[in-house]
Protein backbone atom coordinates (compact mmCIF):
# COMPACT_ATOMS: atom_id res chain seq x y z
CA MET A 1 -17.66 4.48 -26.68
CA THR A 2 -16.44 0.90 -26.30
CA GLN A 3 -18.78 -1.46 -24.48
CA PHE A 4 -17.21 -4.16 -22.32
CA ALA A 5 -18.82 -7.22 -20.80
CA PRO A 6 -18.72 -7.25 -16.97
CA ASP A 7 -16.45 -10.28 -17.00
CA THR A 8 -13.89 -8.81 -19.40
CA SER A 9 -10.51 -9.79 -18.00
CA ASP A 10 -8.00 -7.30 -16.67
CA ALA A 11 -5.52 -8.54 -19.27
CA ALA A 12 -7.93 -7.82 -22.10
CA LEU A 13 -8.66 -4.37 -20.72
CA ILE A 14 -4.94 -3.60 -20.42
CA GLN A 15 -4.57 -4.54 -24.07
CA PHE A 16 -7.26 -2.02 -24.97
CA VAL A 17 -5.55 0.60 -22.80
CA ARG A 18 -2.37 -0.02 -24.78
CA GLU A 19 -4.38 1.01 -27.83
CA ASN A 20 -5.33 4.21 -25.99
CA ASP A 21 -8.89 3.08 -25.26
CA LEU A 22 -9.84 5.23 -22.26
CA ASP A 23 -13.13 3.37 -21.83
CA ALA A 24 -11.11 0.29 -20.88
CA LEU A 25 -9.20 2.38 -18.35
CA GLY A 26 -12.54 3.54 -16.97
CA VAL A 27 -13.64 -0.07 -16.44
CA LEU A 28 -10.44 -0.79 -14.51
CA PHE A 29 -10.97 2.38 -12.50
CA ASP A 30 -14.48 1.30 -11.50
CA ARG A 31 -13.25 -2.20 -10.72
CA TYR A 32 -10.39 -1.25 -8.41
CA TYR A 33 -11.07 2.28 -7.20
CA GLN A 34 -12.46 1.44 -3.75
CA GLN A 35 -9.70 -0.90 -2.64
CA ILE A 36 -6.92 1.34 -3.97
CA TYR A 37 -8.40 4.44 -2.39
CA ARG A 38 -8.89 2.61 0.92
CA ALA A 39 -5.25 1.52 0.97
CA ALA A 40 -4.05 5.03 0.14
CA VAL A 41 -6.17 6.76 2.77
CA SER A 42 -5.13 4.19 5.38
CA ILE A 43 -1.46 4.97 4.80
CA THR A 44 -1.67 8.73 4.35
CA GLN A 45 -4.58 9.60 6.65
CA ASP A 46 -5.52 12.31 4.21
CA ASP A 47 -8.64 12.06 2.03
CA ALA A 48 -7.45 14.56 -0.57
CA ALA A 49 -4.02 12.96 -0.84
CA ALA A 50 -5.59 9.50 -1.14
CA GLU A 51 -7.84 10.72 -3.94
CA ASP A 52 -4.85 12.20 -5.78
CA ILE A 53 -2.82 9.03 -5.26
CA THR A 54 -5.69 6.88 -6.53
CA GLN A 55 -6.09 9.02 -9.64
CA ASP A 56 -2.35 8.96 -10.22
CA CYS A 57 -2.28 5.20 -9.81
CA PHE A 58 -4.74 4.73 -12.66
CA LEU A 59 -2.96 7.30 -14.81
CA LYS A 60 0.13 5.13 -14.44
CA ILE A 61 -1.82 2.20 -15.87
CA HIS A 62 -2.30 4.30 -18.98
CA ARG A 63 1.27 5.53 -19.03
CA TYR A 64 2.92 2.17 -18.39
CA ALA A 65 0.38 -0.18 -19.98
CA ASN A 66 3.02 -1.65 -22.28
CA ARG A 67 5.17 -2.59 -19.28
CA ILE A 68 2.41 -4.35 -17.33
CA ASP A 69 2.72 -8.13 -17.45
CA THR A 70 -0.78 -9.28 -18.31
CA ASN A 71 0.14 -12.84 -17.32
CA LEU A 72 0.14 -11.69 -13.71
CA PRO A 73 -2.80 -10.36 -11.62
CA LEU A 74 -3.22 -6.60 -11.84
CA ALA A 75 -4.11 -5.98 -8.17
CA PRO A 76 -0.58 -6.49 -6.77
CA TRP A 77 0.80 -4.06 -9.35
CA LEU A 78 -1.81 -1.48 -8.33
CA TYR A 79 -1.05 -1.96 -4.62
CA ARG A 80 2.68 -1.60 -5.30
CA VAL A 81 2.14 1.69 -7.13
CA THR A 82 -0.21 2.86 -4.37
CA VAL A 83 2.31 2.06 -1.64
CA ASN A 84 5.10 3.82 -3.54
CA LEU A 85 3.00 6.92 -4.16
CA SER A 86 1.84 6.94 -0.54
CA TYR A 87 5.40 6.60 0.69
CA THR A 88 6.43 9.57 -1.43
CA TRP A 89 3.56 11.64 -0.05
CA VAL A 90 4.35 10.70 3.55
CA SER A 91 8.06 11.36 3.09
CA ARG A 92 7.55 14.77 1.54
CA ARG A 93 5.45 15.95 4.43
CA ASN A 94 7.45 14.11 7.07
CA LYS A 95 4.23 12.62 8.36
CA ARG A 96 3.96 9.34 10.22
CA ARG A 97 0.22 9.08 10.43
CA VAL A 98 -2.32 6.53 9.21
CA SER A 99 -6.10 6.44 9.23
CA LEU A 100 -6.66 3.41 11.40
CA GLU A 101 -10.36 3.24 12.19
CA ALA A 102 -10.99 0.31 9.86
CA VAL A 103 -7.94 -1.56 11.14
CA ILE A 104 -8.96 -0.88 14.73
CA ASP A 105 -12.47 -2.18 14.08
CA ARG A 106 -10.93 -5.42 12.81
CA LEU A 107 -8.81 -5.74 15.93
CA MET A 108 -11.54 -5.00 18.45
CA CYS A 109 -13.84 -7.67 19.83
CA PRO A 110 -17.58 -6.96 19.30
CA VAL A 111 -18.13 -6.92 23.08
CA TRP A 112 -16.26 -3.65 23.28
CA GLN A 113 -18.79 -2.06 20.96
CA SER A 114 -21.67 -2.55 23.40
CA PRO A 115 -23.17 0.56 25.08
CA ASP A 116 -21.60 -0.39 28.41
CA HIS A 117 -18.14 -0.16 26.93
CA LEU A 118 -18.39 2.83 24.58
CA ALA A 119 -16.16 5.08 26.69
CA GLU A 120 -13.57 2.35 27.13
CA TYR A 121 -13.80 1.51 23.43
CA ALA A 122 -13.11 5.12 22.46
CA ASP A 123 -10.11 5.18 24.76
CA MET A 124 -8.83 1.93 23.29
CA GLN A 125 -9.23 3.30 19.78
CA ALA A 126 -6.97 6.18 20.69
CA GLN A 127 -4.41 3.83 22.25
CA VAL A 128 -4.35 1.44 19.29
CA ARG A 129 -4.25 4.31 16.80
CA GLN A 130 -1.27 5.79 18.61
CA ALA A 131 0.49 2.43 18.78
CA ILE A 132 0.18 1.81 15.04
CA LYS A 133 1.11 5.39 14.20
CA GLU A 134 4.39 4.80 16.02
CA LEU A 135 5.29 1.85 13.81
CA SER A 136 7.86 2.40 11.09
CA PHE A 137 6.45 3.05 7.63
CA ASN A 138 7.38 -0.45 6.42
CA GLN A 139 5.75 -2.13 9.40
CA ARG A 140 2.64 0.03 9.10
CA VAL A 141 2.26 -0.81 5.41
CA VAL A 142 2.26 -4.57 6.02
CA VAL A 143 -0.26 -4.15 8.84
CA VAL A 144 -2.55 -2.12 6.57
CA LEU A 145 -2.23 -4.51 3.62
CA HIS A 146 -2.66 -7.63 5.78
CA TYR A 147 -5.36 -6.59 8.24
CA LEU A 148 -7.23 -3.90 6.32
CA ASN A 149 -6.95 -5.15 2.75
CA GLY A 150 -6.78 -8.85 3.59
CA LEU A 151 -3.69 -9.64 1.50
CA SER A 152 -1.79 -12.84 2.21
CA LEU A 153 1.92 -12.77 2.98
CA ASP A 154 2.68 -13.96 -0.55
CA GLU A 155 0.49 -11.22 -2.03
CA ILE A 156 2.16 -8.56 0.11
CA ALA A 157 5.58 -9.81 -0.95
CA GLU A 158 4.56 -9.54 -4.58
CA THR A 159 3.05 -6.11 -3.99
CA LEU A 160 6.15 -4.75 -2.26
CA ASN A 161 8.54 -6.65 -4.53
CA CYS A 162 10.40 -8.18 -1.62
CA PRO A 163 10.91 -11.72 -0.26
CA VAL A 164 8.13 -13.35 1.76
CA GLY A 165 10.63 -13.65 4.60
CA THR A 166 10.96 -9.87 4.69
CA VAL A 167 7.19 -9.49 4.92
CA LYS A 168 7.04 -12.07 7.72
CA SER A 169 9.80 -10.24 9.56
CA ARG A 170 8.12 -6.85 9.25
CA LEU A 171 4.77 -8.25 10.34
CA HIS A 172 6.40 -10.10 13.23
CA TYR A 173 8.11 -6.98 14.53
CA ALA A 174 4.95 -4.94 13.97
CA ARG A 175 3.00 -7.44 16.09
CA GLU A 176 5.68 -7.42 18.77
CA ASN A 177 5.76 -3.63 18.86
CA LEU A 178 1.98 -3.43 19.04
CA ARG A 179 1.74 -6.12 21.69
CA ARG A 180 4.41 -4.44 23.80
CA ARG A 181 2.65 -1.09 23.62
CA LEU A 182 -0.79 -2.57 24.23
CA ASP A 183 0.38 -4.81 27.07
CA ALA A 184 1.64 -1.63 28.71
CA VAL A 185 -1.97 -0.53 29.12
CA ASN A 186 -3.10 -4.04 30.10
CA TRP A 187 -5.87 -4.63 27.63
CA SER A 188 -4.41 -6.34 24.59
CA GLN A 189 -6.14 -9.58 25.59
CA GLU A 190 -9.52 -7.91 26.09
CA MET A 191 -9.22 -6.27 22.68
CA GLY A 192 -8.91 -9.58 20.91
CA ILE A 193 -5.37 -9.07 19.74
CA THR A 194 -4.69 -12.77 20.28
CA ALA A 195 -7.65 -13.76 18.15
CA HIS A 196 -6.35 -11.67 15.29
CA GLY A 197 -2.81 -12.96 15.48
CA PHE A 198 -1.14 -10.10 17.29
CA ALA A 199 -0.06 -12.30 20.16
CA GLY A 200 1.08 -15.08 17.87
């Protein structure tokens, strides 16, 4: 069993994977599992599917190790594979759902989590969840990557292999669609949408 220092670079680990060192793949799995799984479950809203997608994502590291550019960060490559696998899963089942609790928590102001507002908060969760579920797949993906995973516009563009302008456009229309739906129930301001950029 190969022992690796905690600070072994992704590039070095990929090189070991190219030599069929599965211990190196295991280090990468431990390093990136949580964020890849979280992205997959947020897009698919299915724990089992997200687990399969995550496993498949790391298997692709092994399969395509020789094609991975070790001069570039590994995370965007992993996100791109995750998004593609998630899209395939969603398309096959004709689903347009996403697990949005974590995104919703980021959008909500803390005041709405006080005991006095629990009922209203629950209702708002349902409204926001429905609004994001109605977004197109491309708009939903940029919302998940930006607000849940904290990726910058440049990072999302690299992940999705598209121009930054395309990402900006998708995020803009996602915000507009969300704001329009949330304004319809007259509480987008109370939720803190403005503070998180949804009214910008």
